[in-house]
């Protein structure tokens, strides 16, 4: 059974990788942002940490999965539950460009998102990126606890390589 956690910061390519990998290995994928921020017919609200974990546990009961998202305290259980952790460590310069191009695409309606694409959100994405880089040492230390199941990727392009890593 394959349980894969794809972790990385904003604009590292997590969603693209999750979609492509899901299709390639026929395993369902879930965006952790959608578990944190639940969308109903009338509103979008943030689930509590306990509610988030409950949703994850309910999904886990159904078999293999791919979860993708940024690192949040509320779902650290996934580090333990995953068979493989793919850390998408895309270069900072590339993430910065992606954040801005994504914002432009969302503003003109080419790309969909689960949030309001405004200047406030754009600034937050750059802030989260800066915060991640400032706290990278702490994140890297956390990954060390799971080093036997972490695969570090610098892009999301080579699915054959990723698939080969998952089979070992």
Protein backbone atom coordinates (compact mmCIF):
# COMPACT_ATOMS: atom_id res chain seq x y z
CA UNK A 1 0.00 0.00 0.00
CA UNK A 2 1.40 3.43 -0.96
CA UNK A 3 0.89 6.43 1.28
CA UNK A 4 2.78 9.45 0.01
CA UNK A 5 3.18 12.88 1.59
CA UNK A 6 4.34 15.61 -0.80
CA UNK A 7 5.60 18.52 1.26
CA UNK A 8 7.02 21.88 0.22
CA UNK A 9 6.49 25.60 0.45
CA UNK A 10 4.20 27.78 -1.68
CA UNK A 11 4.77 27.45 -5.45
CA UNK A 12 7.19 24.55 -5.19
CA UNK A 13 5.09 22.42 -7.57
CA UNK A 14 3.35 20.16 -5.05
CA UNK A 15 -0.10 20.17 -6.66
CA UNK A 16 1.25 19.60 -10.16
CA UNK A 17 3.37 16.69 -8.91
CA UNK A 18 0.49 15.22 -6.89
CA UNK A 19 -1.89 15.30 -9.88
CA UNK A 20 0.64 13.75 -12.27
CA UNK A 21 1.80 11.11 -9.78
CA UNK A 22 -1.78 10.24 -8.86
CA UNK A 23 -2.59 9.54 -12.50
CA UNK A 24 0.64 7.58 -13.04
CA UNK A 25 0.31 5.26 -10.04
CA UNK A 26 -3.50 5.32 -9.77
CA UNK A 27 -3.66 6.58 -6.17
CA UNK A 28 -6.07 9.37 -5.10
CA UNK A 29 -4.56 12.69 -4.02
CA UNK A 30 -5.77 15.29 -1.56
CA UNK A 31 -4.86 18.95 -1.12
CA UNK A 32 -4.21 19.62 2.53
CA UNK A 33 -5.35 23.24 2.09
CA UNK A 34 -8.82 21.88 1.26
CA UNK A 35 -8.77 19.81 4.44
CA UNK A 36 -7.72 22.82 6.52
CA UNK A 37 -10.09 25.25 4.77
CA UNK A 38 -13.35 23.42 4.14
CA UNK A 39 -15.65 24.70 1.41
CA UNK A 40 -19.39 24.24 1.82
CA UNK A 41 -22.09 25.39 -0.57
CA UNK A 42 -22.32 28.71 1.25
CA UNK A 43 -18.96 29.38 2.93
CA UNK A 44 -15.30 28.53 3.37
CA UNK A 45 -14.12 28.04 6.93
CA UNK A 46 -11.05 26.78 8.75
CA UNK A 47 -11.40 23.43 10.49
CA UNK A 48 -9.91 22.97 13.93
CA UNK A 49 -6.72 20.93 14.21
CA UNK A 50 -8.74 18.00 15.62
CA UNK A 51 -11.22 18.18 12.74
CA UNK A 52 -8.34 18.20 10.25
CA UNK A 53 -6.82 15.09 11.79
CA UNK A 54 -10.21 13.37 11.78
CA UNK A 55 -10.64 14.04 8.03
CA UNK A 56 -7.13 12.67 7.42
CA UNK A 57 -7.88 9.55 9.49
CA UNK A 58 -11.13 8.98 7.59
CA UNK A 59 -9.26 9.18 4.27
CA UNK A 60 -6.52 6.90 5.60
CA UNK A 61 -9.09 4.15 6.28
CA UNK A 62 -9.80 3.94 2.54
CA UNK A 63 -6.34 2.71 1.54
CA UNK A 64 -3.51 4.35 -0.41
CA UNK A 65 -3.31 8.12 -0.74
CA UNK A 66 -1.23 11.10 -1.74
CA UNK A 67 -1.47 14.20 0.43
CA UNK A 68 0.18 17.42 -0.66
CA UNK A 69 0.66 20.66 1.18
CA UNK A 70 2.87 22.95 3.19
CA UNK A 71 4.16 22.02 6.61
CA UNK A 72 1.56 22.64 9.32
CA UNK A 73 1.61 21.53 12.92
CA UNK A 74 -1.99 20.31 12.67
CA UNK A 75 -1.18 17.41 10.37
CA UNK A 76 2.22 16.22 11.50
CA UNK A 77 0.64 12.80 11.90
CA UNK A 78 1.13 12.44 8.13
CA UNK A 79 4.90 12.29 8.57
CA UNK A 80 4.41 9.11 10.59
CA UNK A 81 1.61 7.69 8.45
CA UNK A 82 3.34 8.15 5.09
CA UNK A 83 5.39 5.36 3.54
CA UNK A 84 7.25 8.00 1.52
CA UNK A 85 7.76 11.73 2.03
CA UNK A 86 8.58 13.69 -1.11
CA UNK A 87 10.12 17.03 -0.16
CA UNK A 88 9.80 19.33 -3.14
CA UNK A 89 12.74 21.71 -2.58
CA UNK A 90 12.35 23.94 -5.63
CA UNK A 91 14.88 26.81 -5.84
CA UNK A 92 13.78 30.06 -4.20
CA UNK A 93 14.09 32.14 -7.39
CA UNK A 94 11.74 29.78 -9.22
CA UNK A 95 9.16 29.84 -6.41
CA UNK A 96 9.17 33.64 -6.36
CA UNK A 97 8.48 33.79 -10.09
CA UNK A 98 5.75 31.14 -9.81
CA UNK A 99 3.99 33.04 -7.03
CA UNK A 100 3.72 36.14 -9.18
CA UNK A 101 2.75 34.35 -12.41
CA UNK A 102 0.15 32.29 -10.52
CA UNK A 103 -1.30 35.50 -9.09
CA UNK A 104 -1.57 37.03 -12.56
CA UNK A 105 -3.18 33.89 -14.01
CA UNK A 106 -5.71 33.81 -11.17
CA UNK A 107 -6.54 37.50 -11.55
CA UNK A 108 -7.33 37.12 -15.26
CA UNK A 109 -9.19 33.83 -14.75
CA UNK A 110 -6.79 31.41 -16.44
CA UNK A 111 -6.10 29.52 -13.20
CA UNK A 112 -8.60 28.62 -10.47
CA UNK A 113 -7.90 28.82 -6.75
CA UNK A 114 -9.66 28.16 -3.44
CA UNK A 115 -8.97 31.63 -2.06
CA UNK A 116 -9.40 35.25 -3.10
CA UNK A 117 -6.40 36.18 -5.30
CA UNK A 118 -5.73 39.70 -4.09
CA UNK A 119 -2.69 41.76 -3.06
CA UNK A 120 -3.09 40.63 0.55
CA UNK A 121 -2.81 36.96 -0.48
CA UNK A 122 0.10 37.71 -2.80
CA UNK A 123 1.98 39.38 0.06
CA UNK A 124 1.16 36.46 2.35
CA UNK A 125 2.61 33.98 -0.13
CA UNK A 126 5.86 35.92 -0.25
CA UNK A 127 5.83 36.18 3.54
CA UNK A 128 5.30 32.40 3.94
CA UNK A 129 8.15 31.80 1.53
CA UNK A 130 10.43 34.14 3.48
CA UNK A 131 9.35 32.55 6.79
CA UNK A 132 10.08 29.08 5.43
CA UNK A 133 13.57 30.11 4.34
CA UNK A 134 14.22 31.78 7.71
CA UNK A 135 13.10 28.62 9.53
CA UNK A 136 14.51 26.10 7.04
CA UNK A 137 16.95 24.72 9.59
CA UNK A 138 14.10 23.70 11.88
CA UNK A 139 12.20 22.05 9.01
CA UNK A 140 15.34 20.20 7.87
CA UNK A 141 15.83 18.94 11.44
CA UNK A 142 12.27 17.59 11.44
CA UNK A 143 12.92 15.79 8.15
CA UNK A 144 15.98 14.13 9.68
CA UNK A 145 13.65 12.16 11.97
CA UNK A 146 12.15 10.56 8.85
CA UNK A 147 15.29 10.39 6.69
CA UNK A 148 14.70 6.72 5.84
CA UNK A 149 11.56 7.66 3.90
CA UNK A 150 12.35 11.17 2.59
CA UNK A 151 13.12 11.80 -1.05
CA UNK A 152 14.28 15.33 -1.82
CA UNK A 153 13.31 16.63 -5.24
CA UNK A 154 14.42 19.90 -6.82
CA UNK A 155 11.67 19.89 -9.43
CA UNK A 156 8.51 17.96 -10.24
CA UNK A 157 9.44 16.92 -13.77
CA UNK A 158 10.90 13.40 -13.74
CA UNK A 159 8.00 11.10 -12.89
CA UNK A 160 9.93 8.01 -13.98
CA UNK A 161 12.64 8.77 -11.41
CA UNK A 162 10.03 9.40 -8.72
CA UNK A 163 8.17 6.22 -9.60
CA UNK A 164 11.41 4.22 -9.45
CA UNK A 165 12.16 5.68 -6.01
CA UNK A 166 8.70 4.67 -4.80
CA UNK A 167 9.23 1.08 -5.92
CA UNK A 168 12.42 0.60 -3.89
